[in-house]
N, C-alpha and C. Protein backbone atom coordinates (compact mmCIF):
# COMPACT_ATOMS: atom_id res chain seq x y z
N UNK A 1 53.97 -2.97 11.34
CA UNK A 1 53.51 -1.78 10.67
C UNK A 1 53.81 -1.91 9.18
N UNK A 2 52.96 -1.38 8.38
CA UNK A 2 53.11 -1.48 6.93
C UNK A 2 54.18 -0.51 6.45
N UNK A 3 54.79 -0.90 5.37
CA UNK A 3 55.80 -0.01 4.79
C UNK A 3 55.11 1.10 4.00
N UNK A 4 55.82 2.22 3.79
CA UNK A 4 55.21 3.32 3.04
C UNK A 4 54.82 2.93 1.62
N UNK A 5 55.46 1.90 1.06
CA UNK A 5 55.12 1.50 -0.32
C UNK A 5 53.76 0.80 -0.37
N UNK A 6 53.32 0.21 0.72
CA UNK A 6 52.04 -0.50 0.75
C UNK A 6 50.87 0.44 1.03
N UNK A 7 51.16 1.68 1.39
CA UNK A 7 50.10 2.62 1.77
C UNK A 7 49.09 2.88 0.64
N UNK A 8 49.49 3.13 -0.60
CA UNK A 8 48.48 3.33 -1.66
C UNK A 8 47.57 2.11 -1.85
N UNK A 9 48.15 0.90 -1.73
CA UNK A 9 47.32 -0.31 -1.86
C UNK A 9 46.33 -0.42 -0.72
N UNK A 10 46.77 -0.07 0.47
CA UNK A 10 45.88 -0.13 1.63
C UNK A 10 44.76 0.90 1.53
N UNK A 11 45.07 2.09 1.04
CA UNK A 11 44.05 3.12 0.85
C UNK A 11 43.04 2.68 -0.20
N UNK A 12 43.53 2.10 -1.29
CA UNK A 12 42.64 1.60 -2.33
C UNK A 12 41.74 0.49 -1.81
N UNK A 13 42.29 -0.41 -1.00
CA UNK A 13 41.50 -1.48 -0.41
C UNK A 13 40.45 -0.92 0.55
N UNK A 14 40.85 0.10 1.32
CA UNK A 14 39.90 0.74 2.24
C UNK A 14 38.75 1.39 1.48
N UNK A 15 39.06 2.10 0.39
CA UNK A 15 38.01 2.73 -0.40
C UNK A 15 37.07 1.70 -1.02
N UNK A 16 37.63 0.58 -1.50
CA UNK A 16 36.79 -0.47 -2.08
C UNK A 16 35.87 -1.06 -1.01
N UNK A 17 36.40 -1.29 0.18
CA UNK A 17 35.57 -1.82 1.25
C UNK A 17 34.50 -0.82 1.69
N UNK A 18 34.86 0.46 1.73
CA UNK A 18 33.89 1.49 2.10
C UNK A 18 32.76 1.58 1.08
N UNK A 19 33.10 1.49 -0.22
CA UNK A 19 32.07 1.53 -1.26
C UNK A 19 31.14 0.31 -1.16
N UNK A 20 31.74 -0.85 -0.91
CA UNK A 20 30.94 -2.06 -0.78
C UNK A 20 30.01 -1.97 0.43
N UNK A 21 30.52 -1.49 1.54
CA UNK A 21 29.70 -1.33 2.74
C UNK A 21 28.57 -0.34 2.49
N UNK A 22 28.89 0.78 1.85
CA UNK A 22 27.87 1.79 1.55
C UNK A 22 26.79 1.21 0.67
N UNK A 23 27.17 0.44 -0.34
CA UNK A 23 26.19 -0.15 -1.26
C UNK A 23 25.30 -1.16 -0.54
N UNK A 24 25.90 -2.05 0.23
CA UNK A 24 25.12 -3.12 0.86
C UNK A 24 24.20 -2.62 1.96
N UNK A 25 24.64 -1.67 2.74
CA UNK A 25 23.88 -1.28 3.92
C UNK A 25 23.02 -0.03 3.76
N UNK A 26 23.21 0.72 2.71
CA UNK A 26 22.37 1.92 2.54
C UNK A 26 21.64 1.90 1.21
N UNK A 27 22.36 1.87 0.13
CA UNK A 27 21.72 1.97 -1.19
C UNK A 27 20.93 0.71 -1.51
N UNK A 28 21.51 -0.46 -1.23
CA UNK A 28 20.79 -1.71 -1.48
C UNK A 28 19.53 -1.82 -0.63
N UNK A 29 19.63 -1.41 0.63
CA UNK A 29 18.46 -1.43 1.51
C UNK A 29 17.40 -0.44 1.06
N UNK A 30 17.82 0.72 0.59
CA UNK A 30 16.87 1.73 0.11
C UNK A 30 16.15 1.24 -1.14
N UNK A 31 16.86 0.55 -2.01
CA UNK A 31 16.21 -0.01 -3.20
C UNK A 31 15.16 -1.05 -2.82
N UNK A 32 15.50 -1.90 -1.87
CA UNK A 32 14.55 -2.92 -1.42
C UNK A 32 13.32 -2.26 -0.80
N UNK A 33 13.55 -1.21 -0.02
CA UNK A 33 12.44 -0.49 0.58
C UNK A 33 11.57 0.19 -0.48
N UNK A 34 12.19 0.71 -1.53
CA UNK A 34 11.44 1.31 -2.63
C UNK A 34 10.57 0.29 -3.34
N UNK A 35 11.12 -0.91 -3.56
CA UNK A 35 10.32 -1.96 -4.19
C UNK A 35 9.13 -2.34 -3.32
N UNK A 36 9.37 -2.46 -2.02
CA UNK A 36 8.29 -2.79 -1.10
C UNK A 36 7.21 -1.71 -1.11
N UNK A 37 7.62 -0.45 -1.15
CA UNK A 37 6.65 0.64 -1.19
C UNK A 37 5.84 0.61 -2.48
N UNK A 38 6.49 0.30 -3.59
CA UNK A 38 5.77 0.23 -4.87
C UNK A 38 4.75 -0.90 -4.87
N UNK A 39 5.13 -2.05 -4.37
CA UNK A 39 4.20 -3.19 -4.32
C UNK A 39 3.05 -2.88 -3.36
N UNK A 40 3.35 -2.24 -2.24
CA UNK A 40 2.31 -1.89 -1.28
C UNK A 40 1.33 -0.88 -1.88
N UNK A 41 1.84 0.09 -2.62
CA UNK A 41 0.96 1.06 -3.27
C UNK A 41 0.07 0.39 -4.31
N UNK A 42 0.63 -0.52 -5.08
CA UNK A 42 -0.17 -1.24 -6.08
C UNK A 42 -1.24 -2.09 -5.41
N UNK A 43 -0.89 -2.76 -4.33
CA UNK A 43 -1.87 -3.59 -3.62
C UNK A 43 -2.98 -2.75 -3.01
N UNK A 44 -2.62 -1.61 -2.43
CA UNK A 44 -3.66 -0.76 -1.85
C UNK A 44 -4.58 -0.19 -2.92
N UNK A 45 -4.03 0.12 -4.09
CA UNK A 45 -4.86 0.61 -5.19
C UNK A 45 -5.84 -0.47 -5.64
N UNK A 46 -5.37 -1.70 -5.73
CA UNK A 46 -6.26 -2.81 -6.12
C UNK A 46 -7.36 -3.00 -5.08
N UNK A 47 -7.01 -2.93 -3.79
CA UNK A 47 -8.02 -3.09 -2.74
C UNK A 47 -9.04 -1.95 -2.76
N UNK A 48 -8.60 -0.74 -3.02
CA UNK A 48 -9.53 0.39 -3.09
C UNK A 48 -10.48 0.22 -4.26
N UNK A 49 -9.96 -0.19 -5.41
CA UNK A 49 -10.83 -0.42 -6.57
C UNK A 49 -11.81 -1.57 -6.31
N UNK A 50 -11.34 -2.62 -5.66
CA UNK A 50 -12.24 -3.74 -5.34
C UNK A 50 -13.34 -3.29 -4.39
N UNK A 51 -12.98 -2.50 -3.39
CA UNK A 51 -14.00 -1.97 -2.47
C UNK A 51 -15.00 -1.08 -3.17
N UNK A 52 -14.51 -0.25 -4.09
CA UNK A 52 -15.42 0.62 -4.85
C UNK A 52 -16.38 -0.20 -5.70
N UNK A 53 -15.87 -1.20 -6.39
CA UNK A 53 -16.73 -2.03 -7.23
C UNK A 53 -17.72 -2.83 -6.40
N UNK A 54 -17.31 -3.32 -5.25
CA UNK A 54 -18.24 -4.03 -4.37
C UNK A 54 -19.31 -3.09 -3.82
N UNK A 55 -18.93 -1.85 -3.53
CA UNK A 55 -19.92 -0.88 -3.04
C UNK A 55 -20.95 -0.57 -4.11
N UNK A 56 -20.51 -0.40 -5.34
CA UNK A 56 -21.45 -0.13 -6.44
C UNK A 56 -22.35 -1.34 -6.67
N UNK A 57 -21.77 -2.54 -6.60
CA UNK A 57 -22.58 -3.75 -6.78
C UNK A 57 -23.60 -3.89 -5.66
N UNK A 58 -23.20 -3.60 -4.43
CA UNK A 58 -24.13 -3.66 -3.30
C UNK A 58 -25.25 -2.63 -3.45
N UNK A 59 -24.90 -1.43 -3.91
CA UNK A 59 -25.92 -0.40 -4.10
C UNK A 59 -26.91 -0.83 -5.19
N UNK A 60 -26.39 -1.41 -6.27
CA UNK A 60 -27.28 -1.85 -7.34
C UNK A 60 -28.18 -2.99 -6.86
N UNK A 61 -27.65 -3.86 -5.99
CA UNK A 61 -28.46 -4.95 -5.46
C UNK A 61 -29.58 -4.41 -4.58
N UNK A 62 -29.27 -3.43 -3.73
CA UNK A 62 -30.29 -2.83 -2.87
C UNK A 62 -31.34 -2.13 -3.73
N UNK A 63 -30.92 -1.42 -4.77
CA UNK A 63 -31.88 -0.74 -5.64
C UNK A 63 -32.74 -1.74 -6.40
N UNK A 64 -32.17 -2.88 -6.76
CA UNK A 64 -32.94 -3.91 -7.46
C UNK A 64 -33.97 -4.54 -6.54
N UNK A 65 -33.65 -4.65 -5.25
CA UNK A 65 -34.57 -5.27 -4.28
C UNK A 65 -35.72 -4.35 -3.91
N UNK A 66 -35.57 -3.04 -4.11
CA UNK A 66 -36.62 -2.08 -3.76
C UNK A 66 -37.69 -2.03 -4.85
N UNK A 67 -38.91 -1.69 -4.45
CA UNK A 67 -39.95 -1.50 -5.48
C UNK A 67 -39.64 -0.28 -6.35
N UNK A 68 -40.33 -0.19 -7.47
CA UNK A 68 -40.11 0.95 -8.36
C UNK A 68 -40.69 2.22 -7.74
N UNK A 69 -40.07 3.34 -8.05
CA UNK A 69 -40.54 4.63 -7.56
C UNK A 69 -39.36 5.47 -7.09
N UNK A 70 -39.57 6.77 -7.15
CA UNK A 70 -38.50 7.70 -6.80
C UNK A 70 -38.18 7.65 -5.31
N UNK A 71 -39.21 7.54 -4.47
CA UNK A 71 -38.97 7.51 -3.03
C UNK A 71 -38.23 6.23 -2.65
N UNK A 72 -38.63 5.11 -3.23
CA UNK A 72 -37.96 3.84 -2.94
C UNK A 72 -36.52 3.85 -3.45
N UNK A 73 -36.30 4.48 -4.58
CA UNK A 73 -34.94 4.59 -5.11
C UNK A 73 -34.07 5.41 -4.16
N UNK A 74 -34.61 6.52 -3.67
CA UNK A 74 -33.87 7.35 -2.71
C UNK A 74 -33.57 6.58 -1.43
N UNK A 75 -34.56 5.81 -0.95
CA UNK A 75 -34.34 5.00 0.23
C UNK A 75 -33.26 3.93 -0.02
N UNK A 76 -33.24 3.39 -1.23
CA UNK A 76 -32.21 2.41 -1.59
C UNK A 76 -30.82 3.03 -1.55
N UNK A 77 -30.68 4.26 -2.06
CA UNK A 77 -29.39 4.95 -2.00
C UNK A 77 -28.97 5.21 -0.55
N UNK A 78 -29.92 5.61 0.27
CA UNK A 78 -29.61 5.86 1.68
C UNK A 78 -29.20 4.58 2.39
N UNK A 79 -29.93 3.49 2.15
CA UNK A 79 -29.58 2.21 2.77
C UNK A 79 -28.20 1.71 2.30
N UNK A 80 -27.93 1.88 1.01
CA UNK A 80 -26.62 1.47 0.49
C UNK A 80 -25.50 2.30 1.11
N UNK A 81 -25.73 3.60 1.29
CA UNK A 81 -24.73 4.46 1.92
C UNK A 81 -24.50 4.06 3.37
N UNK A 82 -25.58 3.77 4.08
CA UNK A 82 -25.44 3.34 5.48
C UNK A 82 -24.72 1.99 5.57
N UNK A 83 -25.02 1.10 4.66
CA UNK A 83 -24.32 -0.20 4.64
C UNK A 83 -22.84 -0.03 4.36
N UNK A 84 -22.49 0.85 3.43
CA UNK A 84 -21.08 1.10 3.14
C UNK A 84 -20.39 1.77 4.32
N UNK A 85 -21.09 2.67 4.98
CA UNK A 85 -20.53 3.31 6.17
C UNK A 85 -20.30 2.29 7.28
N UNK A 86 -21.24 1.37 7.46
CA UNK A 86 -21.08 0.33 8.47
C UNK A 86 -19.91 -0.60 8.12
N UNK A 87 -19.79 -0.97 6.85
CA UNK A 87 -18.68 -1.83 6.43
C UNK A 87 -17.34 -1.13 6.62
N UNK A 88 -17.28 0.15 6.30
CA UNK A 88 -16.05 0.91 6.50
C UNK A 88 -15.70 1.02 7.97
N UNK A 89 -16.69 1.26 8.80
CA UNK A 89 -16.46 1.32 10.24
C UNK A 89 -15.96 0.00 10.79
N UNK A 90 -16.53 -1.11 10.30
CA UNK A 90 -16.10 -2.43 10.75
C UNK A 90 -14.65 -2.69 10.37
N UNK A 91 -14.30 -2.35 9.11
CA UNK A 91 -12.92 -2.57 8.66
C UNK A 91 -11.95 -1.71 9.47
N UNK A 92 -12.31 -0.47 9.75
CA UNK A 92 -11.41 0.41 10.53
C UNK A 92 -11.31 -0.10 11.98
N UNK A 93 -12.39 -0.61 12.53
CA UNK A 93 -12.38 -1.15 13.88
C UNK A 93 -11.46 -2.36 13.97
N UNK A 94 -11.54 -3.24 12.95
CA UNK A 94 -10.69 -4.44 12.96
C UNK A 94 -9.24 -4.09 12.65
N UNK A 95 -9.00 -3.05 11.87
CA UNK A 95 -7.62 -2.68 11.53
C UNK A 95 -6.88 -2.06 12.71
N UNK A 96 -7.61 -1.45 13.62
CA UNK A 96 -6.94 -0.80 14.75
C UNK A 96 -6.80 -1.72 15.95
N UNK A 97 -7.29 -2.92 15.88
CA UNK A 97 -7.17 -3.86 17.00
C UNK A 97 -5.89 -4.62 16.95
């Protein structure tokens, strides 16, 4: 058994170990999780912007392929919307498998 004179040193050592354990297993892990969340948010934003730009490019391609005229332009917008809806459905179908 330890002598009463060693008790303050033992308490100080216990507090240092408790702080180290708290830092390594809770705060350090939370920081790593925060970094992962930030990178994931940035990546999802980039993918959303890429999808938006590809959708606009696809719509412009469909409109370019259609003959001139208001009715053909409207049909081009409808076809582009249906194509985007089909692409979104395909991505959601593959993501849930």
